[in-house]
Amino acid sequence: MKLNELHLKLLEGMTPAEQASFREGLKALNMADPADRIALRESVKRLRPDFSEAQIDIFVNPEAGPKNAAWII
């Protein structure tokens, strides 16, 4: 399941007010912004210095990684 599909499933069970709040939260977490991805990458490097660059790539952009990328969480 892709992240966008998950968001749609979550929205189905919410009231209109909850949906609006959820969408605002997603905007605040705008991971499409390159600066946010860079900041997340640096945070992961500090938190988990043992992670390889490939593992950090999956953490920062899970949709680009393998289907079983849950092992990094």
N, C-alpha and C. Protein backbone atom coordinates (compact mmCIF):
# COMPACT_ATOMS: atom_id res chain seq x y z
N MET A 1 0.84 -1.17 0.00
CA MET A 1 0.00 0.00 0.00
C MET A 1 0.89 1.23 0.00
N LYS A 2 0.60 2.16 -0.88
CA LYS A 2 1.34 3.41 -0.94
C LYS A 2 0.85 4.37 0.14
N LEU A 3 1.68 5.31 0.46
CA LEU A 3 1.37 6.27 1.51
C LEU A 3 0.08 7.04 1.20
N ASN A 4 -0.10 7.46 -0.05
CA ASN A 4 -1.31 8.19 -0.41
C ASN A 4 -2.56 7.32 -0.21
N GLU A 5 -2.45 6.03 -0.51
CA GLU A 5 -3.57 5.11 -0.31
C GLU A 5 -3.90 4.99 1.17
N LEU A 6 -2.88 4.93 2.00
CA LEU A 6 -3.08 4.86 3.44
C LEU A 6 -3.79 6.11 3.95
N HIS A 7 -3.36 7.27 3.46
CA HIS A 7 -4.01 8.51 3.87
C HIS A 7 -5.49 8.50 3.50
N LEU A 8 -5.82 8.02 2.30
CA LEU A 8 -7.23 7.96 1.89
C LEU A 8 -8.03 7.04 2.80
N LYS A 9 -7.46 5.91 3.16
CA LYS A 9 -8.15 4.97 4.07
C LYS A 9 -8.38 5.62 5.43
N LEU A 10 -7.38 6.33 5.93
CA LEU A 10 -7.52 7.00 7.22
C LEU A 10 -8.61 8.08 7.15
N LEU A 11 -8.64 8.82 6.06
CA LEU A 11 -9.62 9.89 5.92
C LEU A 11 -11.06 9.38 5.89
N GLU A 12 -11.25 8.16 5.37
CA GLU A 12 -12.60 7.59 5.27
C GLU A 12 -13.30 7.52 6.61
N GLY A 13 -12.58 7.26 7.67
CA GLY A 13 -13.18 7.09 8.98
C GLY A 13 -13.24 8.36 9.82
N MET A 14 -12.93 9.51 9.22
CA MET A 14 -12.86 10.75 9.98
C MET A 14 -14.04 11.67 9.68
N THR A 15 -14.34 12.51 10.65
CA THR A 15 -15.34 13.56 10.45
C THR A 15 -14.71 14.63 9.54
N PRO A 16 -15.53 15.50 8.95
CA PRO A 16 -14.96 16.58 8.12
C PRO A 16 -13.94 17.45 8.88
N ALA A 17 -14.19 17.73 10.14
CA ALA A 17 -13.24 18.52 10.93
C ALA A 17 -11.93 17.76 11.12
N GLU A 18 -12.03 16.48 11.40
CA GLU A 18 -10.83 15.66 11.57
C GLU A 18 -10.06 15.56 10.26
N GLN A 19 -10.78 15.44 9.15
CA GLN A 19 -10.13 15.39 7.84
C GLN A 19 -9.34 16.67 7.56
N ALA A 20 -9.96 17.81 7.87
CA ALA A 20 -9.28 19.09 7.66
C ALA A 20 -8.01 19.19 8.51
N SER A 21 -8.10 18.74 9.76
CA SER A 21 -6.95 18.77 10.65
C SER A 21 -5.85 17.84 10.16
N PHE A 22 -6.25 16.66 9.69
CA PHE A 22 -5.29 15.68 9.17
C PHE A 22 -4.57 16.24 7.95
N ARG A 23 -5.33 16.87 7.05
CA ARG A 23 -4.72 17.44 5.84
C ARG A 23 -3.75 18.57 6.19
N GLU A 24 -4.11 19.39 7.17
CA GLU A 24 -3.20 20.45 7.61
C GLU A 24 -1.91 19.86 8.18
N GLY A 25 -2.05 18.76 8.92
CA GLY A 25 -0.87 18.09 9.46
C GLY A 25 0.03 17.56 8.36
N LEU A 26 -0.59 17.01 7.31
CA LEU A 26 0.20 16.50 6.18
C LEU A 26 0.94 17.65 5.49
N LYS A 27 0.28 18.79 5.37
CA LYS A 27 0.95 19.94 4.76
C LYS A 27 2.14 20.38 5.60
N ALA A 28 1.99 20.33 6.92
CA ALA A 28 3.07 20.72 7.82
C ALA A 28 4.25 19.77 7.70
N LEU A 29 3.97 18.53 7.33
CA LEU A 29 5.03 17.52 7.17
C LEU A 29 5.45 17.37 5.72
N ASN A 30 5.39 18.40 4.96
CA ASN A 30 5.62 18.37 3.51
C ASN A 30 6.98 17.77 3.18
N MET A 31 7.03 16.46 3.10
CA MET A 31 8.29 15.78 2.83
C MET A 31 8.69 15.87 1.37
N ALA A 32 7.86 16.53 0.55
CA ALA A 32 8.27 16.77 -0.82
C ALA A 32 9.28 17.92 -0.88
N ASP A 33 9.35 18.68 0.20
CA ASP A 33 10.29 19.79 0.29
C ASP A 33 11.70 19.24 0.48
N PRO A 34 12.61 19.52 -0.44
CA PRO A 34 13.97 18.98 -0.33
C PRO A 34 14.67 19.35 0.99
N ALA A 35 14.41 20.54 1.50
CA ALA A 35 15.05 20.94 2.77
C ALA A 35 14.59 20.04 3.91
N ASP A 36 13.31 19.65 3.90
CA ASP A 36 12.80 18.76 4.95
C ASP A 36 13.44 17.38 4.84
N ARG A 37 13.62 16.90 3.63
CA ARG A 37 14.25 15.58 3.44
C ARG A 37 15.70 15.61 3.90
N ILE A 38 16.40 16.70 3.62
CA ILE A 38 17.79 16.83 4.06
C ILE A 38 17.86 16.85 5.58
N ALA A 39 16.96 17.60 6.19
CA ALA A 39 16.94 17.67 7.66
C ALA A 39 16.62 16.30 8.27
N LEU A 40 15.68 15.58 7.68
CA LEU A 40 15.35 14.25 8.18
C LEU A 40 16.54 13.31 8.02
N ARG A 41 17.21 13.39 6.89
CA ARG A 41 18.39 12.54 6.64
C ARG A 41 19.46 12.80 7.70
N GLU A 42 19.72 14.05 8.01
CA GLU A 42 20.72 14.39 9.02
C GLU A 42 20.30 13.90 10.40
N SER A 43 19.01 14.00 10.71
CA SER A 43 18.52 13.50 12.00
C SER A 43 18.70 12.00 12.11
N VAL A 44 18.39 11.28 11.04
CA VAL A 44 18.54 9.81 11.05
C VAL A 44 20.01 9.44 11.21
N LYS A 45 20.89 10.17 10.53
CA LYS A 45 22.32 9.88 10.66
C LYS A 45 22.80 10.03 12.10
N ARG A 46 22.30 11.07 12.80
CA ARG A 46 22.70 11.27 14.19
C ARG A 46 22.09 10.21 15.09
N LEU A 47 20.84 9.87 14.84
CA LEU A 47 20.14 8.89 15.66
C LEU A 47 20.67 7.48 15.44
N ARG A 48 20.93 7.13 14.19
CA ARG A 48 21.37 5.78 13.85
C ARG A 48 22.62 5.83 12.98
N PRO A 49 23.78 6.12 13.56
CA PRO A 49 25.00 6.20 12.77
C PRO A 49 25.38 4.87 12.11
N ASP A 50 24.76 3.78 12.57
CA ASP A 50 25.05 2.47 11.98
C ASP A 50 24.29 2.23 10.69
N PHE A 51 23.31 3.09 10.35
CA PHE A 51 22.55 2.90 9.11
C PHE A 51 23.41 3.20 7.90
N SER A 52 23.26 2.39 6.86
CA SER A 52 23.94 2.65 5.59
C SER A 52 23.18 3.75 4.84
N GLU A 53 23.81 4.29 3.81
CA GLU A 53 23.12 5.31 2.99
C GLU A 53 21.84 4.73 2.38
N ALA A 54 21.86 3.46 1.98
CA ALA A 54 20.67 2.84 1.41
C ALA A 54 19.54 2.76 2.44
N GLN A 55 19.88 2.42 3.66
CA GLN A 55 18.86 2.36 4.71
C GLN A 55 18.29 3.75 5.00
N ILE A 56 19.15 4.75 4.99
CA ILE A 56 18.67 6.12 5.22
C ILE A 56 17.77 6.55 4.06
N ASP A 57 18.13 6.17 2.84
CA ASP A 57 17.28 6.48 1.69
C ASP A 57 15.88 5.92 1.88
N ILE A 58 15.79 4.69 2.35
CA ILE A 58 14.49 4.05 2.58
C ILE A 58 13.74 4.76 3.70
N PHE A 59 14.44 5.16 4.73
CA PHE A 59 13.81 5.85 5.85
C PHE A 59 13.24 7.19 5.40
N VAL A 60 14.01 7.93 4.61
CA VAL A 60 13.60 9.25 4.16
C VAL A 60 12.51 9.17 3.09
N ASN A 61 12.56 8.16 2.25
CA ASN A 61 11.58 8.01 1.17
C ASN A 61 11.15 6.55 1.09
N PRO A 62 10.28 6.09 2.01
CA PRO A 62 9.93 4.68 2.07
C PRO A 62 9.27 4.14 0.81
N GLU A 63 8.59 4.99 0.05
CA GLU A 63 7.93 4.52 -1.16
C GLU A 63 8.94 4.08 -2.22
N ALA A 64 10.17 4.57 -2.12
CA ALA A 64 11.20 4.20 -3.09
C ALA A 64 11.89 2.90 -2.72
N GLY A 65 11.71 2.45 -1.48
CA GLY A 65 12.40 1.26 -1.00
C GLY A 65 11.64 -0.02 -1.28
N PRO A 66 12.18 -1.13 -0.80
CA PRO A 66 11.54 -2.43 -0.99
C PRO A 66 10.23 -2.51 -0.21
N LYS A 67 9.38 -3.42 -0.60
CA LYS A 67 8.07 -3.58 0.01
C LYS A 67 8.16 -3.90 1.51
N ASN A 68 9.23 -4.53 1.94
CA ASN A 68 9.37 -4.92 3.34
C ASN A 68 10.29 -3.98 4.10
N ALA A 69 10.20 -2.68 3.83
CA ALA A 69 11.09 -1.70 4.46
C ALA A 69 10.73 -1.43 5.91
N ALA A 70 9.72 -2.10 6.45
CA ALA A 70 9.31 -1.86 7.84
C ALA A 70 10.39 -2.26 8.83
N TRP A 71 11.40 -2.99 8.44
CA TRP A 71 12.45 -3.43 9.36
C TRP A 71 13.24 -2.27 9.93
N ILE A 72 13.19 -1.08 9.31
CA ILE A 72 14.00 0.02 9.81
C ILE A 72 13.31 0.80 10.91
N ILE A 73 12.06 0.55 11.16
CA ILE A 73 11.31 1.32 12.17
C ILE A 73 11.52 0.74 13.54
